Amino acid sequence: MASVPAPAVSKPRFKMFENGSHEHNLRAAKRQEKLSNMLKDLLGAKKLRDEAKSAVPNILHGKNSAKGEKNAEPPTLFAGLVKQVKNNTSPYQAQTEDLIPKQDSRSFVEKYGRCQEVIGRGSFGVVRISHKKGLQNGNGEDVLYAVKEFKKRPNESEKKYSRRLTSEFCISSSLKHLNIIDTLDLLKDAKGDYCEVMEFCSGGDLYTLIIAAGKLEYAEADCFFKQLIRGVNYMHEMGVSHRDLKPENLLLTQQGVLKITDFGNGECFKMAWEDEIHFSDGVCGSSPYIAPEEFIQDQFDSRCVDIWACGVIYMAMRTGRQLWKLADPKRDEFFEEYLIQRKDATGYEPIESLKRARCRNVIYSILDPIPERRITGKQILNSEWGREIRVCAAGEAYNGVHASSEKVSEKLEKIPR
């Protein structure tokens, strides 16, 4: 009698070993399927049990959702995804066939293959996977690229459109670091539409990982956080700030390497030969991650803005929630509560729930509302907590010499003004 092969056992998403090391096994496809089922259940694609229906308002608005009641805590990240889907603005919704363009650029196909499935969308346009047939990776599979297809903003002139995309490409392609997405090319088709070609990260993005997991284990979150700070610290050393750091803009490989992407709001605040930095102005980014000084100061240091966002991202990984919707005490009760409680002897409960004092101290320093006192990326990495965080083997991999500030500045000088 022929033996029946045992079913394949899938690896866990995150595994800790006895020696303190760990490994990640991230599969975006499985996560997308789980999220799709969660959204279908919530939005009525499947018949909900009567007792489950009342959960939707609580998920959307917080624990206490009765009219007139103060919310006990801000919404989860999943609540934000639900709202995006209901408003038809989610990058994770299923795409229709008519969104798939016909690639008629022969040079693109020869270099990067053919664009196929959509993996994300936003106000900029869509992101697709391009399959390069005949060119294989170490596993004998086709090489994949991520292709970001841009569209012109309403009332945007051709000149401004071209300048915006050229600026983003100059910034992202000049930065060479393990924790920053490798941007390969910028192409323009016969119709005048642009697309940017980048390395493909099969692990998806941090946003969907947090939603699917609920929240991350401390060692898992710490590993991603240290990689994030390494990437941000390198950017700042090169004179570049991101200004839109959020989980959606942090991509992951299957082995758990974190990659910063989307430099559409990026700024060059200092060239290699300059002694002083250029200050930034204007509110920029996604509401929960915007630093408080952007609402009250005419000019500010954009490095401090990036560091603030990193702190909010870490807390989202650990709690599965946004700490607040807006870092403005006049418009957000949760942020007002944070400013009061961080001064109390008992502290701010979400941060106090972090078990290690070294970790809590750094997070309080990152989320200091006074930017001049806020800790820097280098100081985070050199802190006791920063030094003791163990990064996965893939995240420690050496990927060549990082570009020097002089070389980066030479490229950034070409950005059209």
Protein backbone atom coordinates (compact mmCIF):
# COMPACT_ATOMS: atom_id res chain seq x y z
CA MET A 1 0.00 0.00 0.00
CA ALA A 2 1.45 3.33 -1.06
CA SER A 3 2.15 5.71 1.79
CA VAL A 4 0.33 9.03 1.79
CA PRO A 5 2.75 11.96 2.02
CA ALA A 6 2.37 14.05 5.14
CA PRO A 7 0.87 17.49 4.56
CA ALA A 8 3.43 20.28 4.39
CA VAL A 9 3.78 22.12 7.67
CA SER A 10 3.92 25.86 7.16
CA LYS A 11 6.58 27.77 9.04
CA PRO A 12 5.44 30.20 11.75
CA ARG A 13 5.58 33.90 10.90
CA PHE A 14 8.12 34.52 13.66
CA LYS A 15 10.26 32.05 15.59
CA MET A 16 12.55 32.60 18.57
CA PHE A 17 15.44 30.22 19.28
CA GLU A 18 16.98 29.20 22.60
CA ASN A 19 20.14 31.22 21.95
CA GLY A 20 18.08 34.43 21.66
CA SER A 21 18.21 34.68 17.87
CA HIS A 22 15.11 34.61 15.69
CA GLU A 23 13.86 34.29 12.13
CA HIS A 24 10.96 35.67 10.10
CA ASN A 25 8.90 33.87 7.46
CA LEU A 26 6.64 36.48 5.90
CA ARG A 27 4.25 35.65 3.08
CA ALA A 28 2.21 38.55 1.78
CA ALA A 29 -0.15 36.34 -0.27
CA LYS A 30 -1.38 34.44 2.80
CA ARG A 31 -1.75 37.69 4.71
CA GLN A 32 -3.75 39.31 1.88
CA GLU A 33 -6.11 36.32 1.87
CA LYS A 34 -6.62 36.63 5.62
CA LEU A 35 -7.27 40.38 5.38
CA SER A 36 -9.70 39.88 2.51
CA ASN A 37 -11.70 37.40 4.58
CA MET A 38 -11.67 39.75 7.59
CA LEU A 39 -12.96 42.61 5.43
CA LYS A 40 -15.61 40.45 3.79
CA ASP A 41 -16.89 39.38 7.20
CA LEU A 42 -17.04 42.96 8.45
CA LEU A 43 -18.49 44.60 5.37
CA GLY A 44 -21.21 42.07 4.70
CA ALA A 45 -19.84 39.98 1.85
CA LYS A 46 -20.60 36.97 4.06
CA LYS A 47 -23.67 36.59 6.25
CA LEU A 48 -22.76 37.78 9.73
CA ARG A 49 -24.07 36.09 12.82
CA ASP A 50 -26.47 38.39 14.67
CA GLU A 51 -24.24 38.67 17.71
CA ALA A 52 -21.23 39.65 15.57
CA LYS A 53 -22.89 42.63 13.90
CA SER A 54 -22.52 44.91 16.91
CA ALA A 55 -18.73 44.50 16.81
CA VAL A 56 -18.36 46.69 13.72
CA PRO A 57 -19.02 50.08 15.41
CA ASN A 58 -16.64 49.19 18.26
CA ILE A 59 -13.90 48.19 15.86
CA LEU A 60 -14.36 51.40 13.91
CA HIS A 61 -14.65 53.86 16.77
CA GLY A 62 -13.01 52.37 19.86
CA LYS A 63 -14.30 50.47 22.90
CA ASN A 64 -16.94 52.95 24.06
CA SER A 65 -18.90 53.79 20.95
CA ALA A 66 -22.21 54.85 22.45
CA LYS A 67 -23.35 58.33 21.48
CA GLY A 68 -21.93 60.98 23.80
CA GLU A 69 -19.43 58.63 25.46
CA LYS A 70 -15.73 59.38 25.49
CA ASN A 71 -13.70 56.74 23.66
CA ALA A 72 -11.55 54.58 25.95
CA GLU A 73 -8.83 54.24 23.35
CA PRO A 74 -8.17 55.26 19.74
CA PRO A 75 -9.11 52.96 16.83
CA THR A 76 -7.01 50.00 15.77
CA LEU A 77 -5.01 49.98 12.54
CA PHE A 78 -7.58 47.51 11.19
CA ALA A 79 -10.30 50.10 11.77
CA GLY A 80 -8.39 52.46 9.52
CA LEU A 81 -8.27 49.82 6.79
CA VAL A 82 -12.02 49.21 7.10
CA LYS A 83 -12.72 52.93 6.70
CA GLN A 84 -10.45 53.11 3.66
CA VAL A 85 -12.29 50.22 2.02
CA LYS A 86 -15.71 51.71 2.81
CA ASN A 87 -14.57 55.01 1.27
CA ASN A 88 -13.02 53.18 -1.71
CA THR A 89 -9.55 54.57 -0.91
CA SER A 90 -7.76 51.43 0.28
CA PRO A 91 -4.58 50.29 -1.49
CA TYR A 92 -5.49 46.70 -0.55
CA GLN A 93 -8.84 46.35 -2.33
CA ALA A 94 -9.27 43.93 -5.19
CA GLN A 95 -8.52 45.53 -8.53
CA THR A 96 -10.62 45.25 -11.67
CA GLU A 97 -9.31 44.18 -15.04
CA ASP A 98 -9.64 47.60 -16.63
CA LEU A 99 -6.94 48.94 -14.31
CA ILE A 100 -4.32 46.71 -15.90
CA PRO A 101 -2.58 48.67 -18.66
CA LYS A 102 -1.13 47.26 -21.83
CA GLN A 103 2.62 47.75 -21.67
CA ASP A 104 3.60 48.88 -25.16
CA SER A 105 7.15 49.95 -24.34
CA ARG A 106 9.42 47.32 -25.83
CA SER A 107 12.44 48.58 -23.91
CA PHE A 108 10.58 48.13 -20.61
CA VAL A 109 9.57 44.55 -21.43
CA GLU A 110 13.10 43.68 -22.49
CA LYS A 111 14.59 45.07 -19.27
CA TYR A 112 12.00 44.19 -16.64
CA GLY A 113 9.44 41.83 -18.17
CA ARG A 114 5.68 42.30 -18.24
CA CYS A 115 3.56 44.00 -15.59
CA GLN A 116 0.92 41.70 -14.14
CA GLU A 117 -0.91 41.66 -10.80
CA VAL A 118 -1.62 44.81 -8.77
CA ILE A 119 -0.17 44.75 -5.24
CA GLY A 120 -1.10 48.24 -4.08
CA ARG A 121 -2.56 51.58 -5.01
CA GLY A 122 -2.73 55.09 -3.67
CA SER A 123 -3.18 58.70 -4.68
CA PHE A 124 0.00 58.39 -6.81
CA GLY A 125 -1.35 55.54 -8.97
CA VAL A 126 -0.83 51.77 -8.72
CA VAL A 127 2.00 49.33 -7.96
CA ARG A 128 2.27 46.12 -9.95
CA ILE A 129 4.60 43.13 -10.10
CA SER A 130 6.64 42.74 -13.27
CA HIS A 131 7.81 39.22 -14.15
CA LYS A 132 11.11 38.96 -16.00
CA LYS A 133 11.00 35.65 -17.88
CA GLY A 134 14.26 33.87 -18.60
CA LEU A 135 16.15 35.78 -15.89
CA GLN A 136 16.13 33.60 -12.79
CA ASN A 137 17.09 34.13 -9.17
CA GLY A 138 18.95 31.69 -6.93
CA ASN A 139 15.81 29.56 -6.45
CA GLY A 140 15.25 29.06 -10.18
CA GLU A 141 12.25 31.40 -10.18
CA ASP A 142 11.56 34.40 -12.42
CA VAL A 143 12.99 37.67 -11.13
CA LEU A 144 10.26 40.02 -9.94
CA TYR A 145 10.25 43.81 -9.86
CA ALA A 146 7.82 46.27 -8.28
CA VAL A 147 6.62 48.87 -10.79
CA LYS A 148 5.06 52.06 -9.43
CA GLU A 149 2.87 53.63 -12.12
CA PHE A 150 2.27 57.33 -11.53
CA LYS A 151 -0.65 59.49 -12.52
CA LYS A 152 -0.86 63.25 -12.73
CA ARG A 153 -2.62 65.05 -9.89
CA PRO A 154 -5.73 67.10 -10.68
CA ASN A 155 -4.77 70.52 -12.09
CA GLU A 156 -1.06 69.58 -12.05
CA SER A 157 0.92 70.95 -14.97
CA GLU A 158 3.14 68.71 -17.05
CA LYS A 159 6.20 70.59 -15.76
CA LYS A 160 5.26 70.13 -12.08
CA TYR A 161 4.37 66.47 -12.69
CA SER A 162 7.75 65.82 -14.31
CA ARG A 163 9.62 67.74 -11.59
CA ARG A 164 7.84 65.86 -8.78
CA LEU A 165 8.61 62.42 -10.17
CA THR A 166 12.18 63.29 -11.10
CA SER A 167 12.75 64.59 -7.57
CA GLU A 168 11.39 61.41 -5.97
CA PHE A 169 13.52 59.24 -8.26
CA CYS A 170 16.70 61.27 -7.64
CA ILE A 171 16.28 60.93 -3.88
CA SER A 172 15.34 57.24 -3.75
CA SER A 173 17.87 56.06 -6.36
CA SER A 174 20.77 57.92 -4.73
CA LEU A 175 20.32 56.21 -1.35
CA LYS A 176 22.05 52.83 -1.14
CA HIS A 177 21.40 50.98 2.12
CA LEU A 178 20.08 47.56 3.13
CA ASN A 179 17.06 49.15 4.80
CA ILE A 180 16.09 51.44 1.92
CA ILE A 181 14.32 50.13 -1.17
CA ASP A 182 16.58 49.76 -4.19
CA THR A 183 15.18 52.04 -6.91
CA LEU A 184 16.38 50.93 -10.32
CA ASP A 185 14.84 53.01 -13.09
CA LEU A 186 12.40 55.75 -14.10
CA LEU A 187 10.72 55.38 -17.48
CA LYS A 188 8.30 57.45 -19.54
CA ASP A 189 5.98 55.95 -22.13
CA ALA A 190 4.67 57.42 -25.38
CA LYS A 191 1.62 58.86 -23.57
CA GLY A 192 3.81 60.76 -21.12
CA ASP A 193 3.07 58.52 -18.13
CA TYR A 194 5.93 57.67 -15.77
CA CYS A 195 6.73 54.46 -13.94
CA GLU A 196 9.43 53.73 -11.37
CA VAL A 197 11.04 50.29 -11.14
CA MET A 198 12.13 48.98 -7.73
CA GLU A 199 13.17 45.74 -6.10
CA PHE A 200 10.19 43.56 -5.14
CA CYS A 201 9.62 42.67 -1.47
CA SER A 202 7.59 39.47 -1.18
CA GLY A 203 6.87 39.91 2.54
CA GLY A 204 4.37 42.73 1.93
CA ASP A 205 4.27 45.85 4.07
CA LEU A 206 4.37 46.42 7.82
CA TYR A 207 0.83 47.84 7.88
CA THR A 208 -0.84 44.64 6.69
CA LEU A 209 1.44 42.55 8.92
CA ILE A 210 0.31 44.45 12.02
CA ILE A 211 -3.36 44.20 11.02
CA ALA A 212 -3.18 40.46 10.29
CA ALA A 213 -1.22 39.73 13.49
CA GLY A 214 -3.17 42.11 15.76
CA LYS A 215 0.13 43.19 17.29
CA LEU A 216 3.72 41.98 17.05
CA GLU A 217 5.83 40.16 19.61
CA TYR A 218 8.39 42.39 21.30
CA ALA A 219 11.46 40.77 19.69
CA GLU A 220 9.78 40.91 16.27
CA ALA A 221 8.86 44.60 16.66
CA ASP A 222 12.31 45.42 18.06
CA CYS A 223 14.02 43.81 15.05
CA PHE A 224 11.96 45.85 12.58
CA PHE A 225 12.40 49.01 14.65
CA LYS A 226 16.19 48.77 14.76
CA GLN A 227 16.30 48.22 11.00
CA LEU A 228 14.00 51.23 10.54
CA ILE A 229 16.25 53.44 12.67
CA ARG A 230 19.34 52.24 10.80
CA GLY A 231 17.73 53.26 7.51
CA VAL A 232 16.53 56.61 8.88
CA ASN A 233 19.90 57.36 10.48
CA TYR A 234 21.65 56.66 7.15
CA MET A 235 19.19 58.94 5.30
CA HIS A 236 19.81 61.74 7.77
CA GLU A 237 23.59 61.31 7.47
CA MET A 238 23.11 61.72 3.70
CA GLY A 239 21.16 64.94 4.23
CA VAL A 240 17.77 63.47 3.31
CA SER A 241 14.54 63.29 5.33
CA HIS A 242 11.52 61.15 4.39
CA ARG A 243 8.63 63.12 5.91
CA ASP A 244 6.03 60.38 5.39
CA LEU A 245 7.19 57.44 7.48
CA LYS A 246 4.32 55.05 8.30
CA PRO A 247 3.83 51.25 8.29
CA GLU A 248 2.42 51.36 4.74
CA ASN A 249 5.76 52.76 3.51
CA LEU A 250 7.86 50.05 5.16
CA LEU A 251 8.22 46.95 2.99
CA LEU A 252 9.46 43.54 4.13
CA THR A 253 11.27 40.67 2.47
CA GLN A 254 10.20 37.11 3.26
CA GLN A 255 13.21 36.79 5.61
CA GLY A 256 12.28 39.97 7.51
CA VAL A 257 14.50 42.68 6.03
CA LEU A 258 12.74 46.04 6.36
CA LYS A 259 12.94 48.51 3.45
CA ILE A 260 11.90 52.18 3.57
CA THR A 261 10.04 53.21 0.41
CA ASP A 262 8.01 56.07 -1.14
CA PHE A 263 10.13 59.22 -1.14
CA GLY A 264 7.39 61.33 -2.72
CA ASN A 265 7.58 63.78 0.20
CA GLY A 266 11.33 63.41 0.71
CA GLU A 267 13.50 66.49 1.21
CA CYS A 268 17.18 67.26 0.91
CA PHE A 269 17.94 69.35 4.01
CA LYS A 270 21.74 69.47 3.68
CA MET A 271 24.31 68.90 0.95
CA ALA A 272 27.62 67.24 1.87
CA TRP A 273 29.52 70.53 1.46
CA GLU A 274 27.08 72.61 3.54
CA ASP A 275 27.60 73.36 7.22
CA GLU A 276 24.03 74.29 8.15
CA ILE A 277 20.79 72.42 7.56
CA HIS A 278 17.78 73.86 5.72
CA PHE A 279 14.62 73.91 7.83
CA SER A 280 11.31 72.57 6.52
CA ASP A 281 7.83 74.05 6.58
CA GLY A 282 4.25 72.94 5.99
CA VAL A 283 2.27 69.97 7.30
CA CYS A 284 3.17 66.79 5.44
CA GLY A 285 2.52 63.07 5.84
CA SER A 286 -0.23 60.88 7.29
CA SER A 287 -2.17 62.28 10.26
CA PRO A 288 -1.31 59.86 13.13
CA TYR A 289 2.43 60.03 12.34
CA ILE A 290 2.80 63.81 11.91
CA ALA A 291 4.95 65.43 14.62
CA PRO A 292 3.34 68.14 16.81
CA GLU A 293 5.76 70.89 15.74
CA GLU A 294 4.37 70.74 12.19
CA PHE A 295 1.09 72.21 13.50
CA ILE A 296 2.60 75.02 15.57
CA GLN A 297 5.96 76.03 14.05
CA ASP A 298 6.55 77.91 10.82
CA GLN A 299 9.86 76.09 10.33
CA PHE A 300 11.29 72.92 11.89
CA ASP A 301 14.01 70.28 11.61
CA SER A 302 12.66 67.49 9.37
CA ARG A 303 14.97 64.94 11.00
CA CYS A 304 13.03 65.33 14.25
CA VAL A 305 9.80 64.79 12.32
CA ASP A 306 11.07 61.44 10.99
CA ILE A 307 12.16 60.29 14.45
CA TRP A 308 8.74 61.13 15.91
CA ALA A 309 7.05 59.00 13.24
CA CYS A 310 9.36 56.07 14.13
CA GLY A 311 8.11 56.20 17.72
CA VAL A 312 4.47 56.13 16.64
CA ILE A 313 5.25 53.21 14.31
CA TYR A 314 6.89 51.25 17.15
CA MET A 315 3.84 51.73 19.37
CA ALA A 316 1.57 50.63 16.51
CA MET A 317 3.62 47.42 16.19
CA ARG A 318 3.41 46.71 19.92
CA THR A 319 -0.24 47.65 20.53
CA GLY A 320 -1.95 47.28 17.14
CA ARG A 321 -3.39 50.78 17.62
CA GLN A 322 -2.75 54.38 16.77
CA LEU A 323 -1.92 56.37 19.90
CA TRP A 324 -3.92 59.31 18.54
CA LYS A 325 -5.36 60.56 15.27
CA LEU A 326 -3.55 63.91 15.37
CA ALA A 327 -0.66 65.17 17.55
CA ASP A 328 -2.54 68.37 18.34
CA PRO A 329 -3.99 68.71 21.86
CA LYS A 330 -6.61 71.22 20.68
CA ARG A 331 -8.06 68.76 18.19
CA ASP A 332 -7.34 65.32 19.68
CA GLU A 333 -8.30 64.18 23.18
CA PHE A 334 -5.94 61.19 23.04
CA PHE A 335 -2.89 63.36 22.36
CA GLU A 336 -3.96 65.81 25.06
CA GLU A 337 -4.15 62.84 27.44
CA TYR A 338 -0.64 61.76 26.42
CA LEU A 339 0.85 65.19 27.15
CA ILE A 340 -0.68 65.13 30.64
CA GLN A 341 0.14 61.52 31.52
CA ARG A 342 3.77 61.57 30.33
CA LYS A 343 4.43 64.07 33.16
CA ASP A 344 2.65 61.96 35.82
CA ALA A 345 4.51 59.63 38.16
CA THR A 346 2.46 56.71 36.81
CA GLY A 347 3.28 57.64 33.21
CA TYR A 348 1.37 57.07 29.97
CA GLU A 349 -0.31 53.67 30.10
CA PRO A 350 0.41 52.40 26.53
CA ILE A 351 4.14 53.15 26.94
CA GLU A 352 4.19 51.93 30.55
CA SER A 353 2.77 48.60 29.31
CA LEU A 354 6.10 47.98 27.54
CA LYS A 355 7.88 45.59 29.90
CA ARG A 356 11.48 46.87 29.73
CA ALA A 357 12.44 50.18 31.33
CA ARG A 358 15.24 50.77 28.79
CA CYS A 359 12.70 50.51 25.98
CA ARG A 360 10.19 52.80 27.72
CA ASN A 361 12.80 55.48 28.33
CA VAL A 362 13.81 55.60 24.66
CA ILE A 363 10.20 55.70 23.44
CA TYR A 364 9.44 58.61 25.80
CA SER A 365 12.54 60.38 24.40
CA ILE A 366 11.43 59.74 20.82
CA LEU A 367 7.91 61.01 21.54
CA ASP A 368 9.09 64.16 23.29
CA PRO A 369 6.73 66.94 22.13
CA ILE A 370 9.62 69.43 22.22
CA PRO A 371 11.69 68.60 19.08
CA GLU A 372 14.92 70.17 20.42
CA ARG A 373 14.92 67.57 23.22
CA ARG A 374 13.98 64.65 20.98
CA ILE A 375 16.52 61.84 20.68
CA THR A 376 18.30 61.30 17.33
CA GLY A 377 18.60 58.13 15.27
CA LYS A 378 22.25 57.73 16.22
CA GLN A 379 21.43 58.15 19.91
CA ILE A 380 18.70 55.51 19.65
CA LEU A 381 21.13 53.00 18.14
CA ASN A 382 23.75 53.83 20.81
CA SER A 383 21.29 53.61 23.72
CA GLU A 384 21.36 50.57 26.02
CA TRP A 385 18.13 49.34 24.51
CA GLY A 386 19.27 50.02 20.94
CA ARG A 387 22.51 48.09 21.46
CA GLU A 388 20.80 45.08 23.02
CA ILE A 389 18.15 44.66 20.28
CA ARG A 390 18.95 41.56 18.22
CA VAL A 391 18.29 41.85 14.49
CA CYS A 392 17.59 38.74 12.40
CA ALA A 393 20.43 37.27 10.29
CA ALA A 394 18.89 38.61 7.07
CA GLY A 395 18.67 42.09 8.58
CA GLU A 396 22.36 41.98 9.45
CA ALA A 397 23.39 40.97 5.92
CA TYR A 398 26.02 43.13 4.28
CA ASN A 399 24.85 44.39 0.91
CA GLY A 400 27.85 46.36 -0.32
CA VAL A 401 29.31 49.75 0.49
CA HIS A 402 26.71 52.37 1.30
CA ALA A 403 26.84 55.48 -0.87
CA SER A 404 28.82 58.36 0.64
CA SER A 405 27.22 61.72 1.42
CA GLU A 406 29.34 63.34 -1.33
CA LYS A 407 28.05 60.92 -3.98
CA VAL A 408 24.47 61.29 -2.77
CA SER A 409 24.74 65.10 -2.84
CA GLU A 410 26.09 65.01 -6.40
CA LYS A 411 22.93 63.20 -7.50
CA LEU A 412 20.61 65.35 -5.41
CA GLU A 413 22.05 68.48 -7.02
CA LYS A 414 20.39 67.36 -10.26
CA ILE A 415 16.89 67.67 -8.77
CA PRO A 416 15.02 70.33 -10.78
CA ARG A 417 14.17 73.37 -8.67
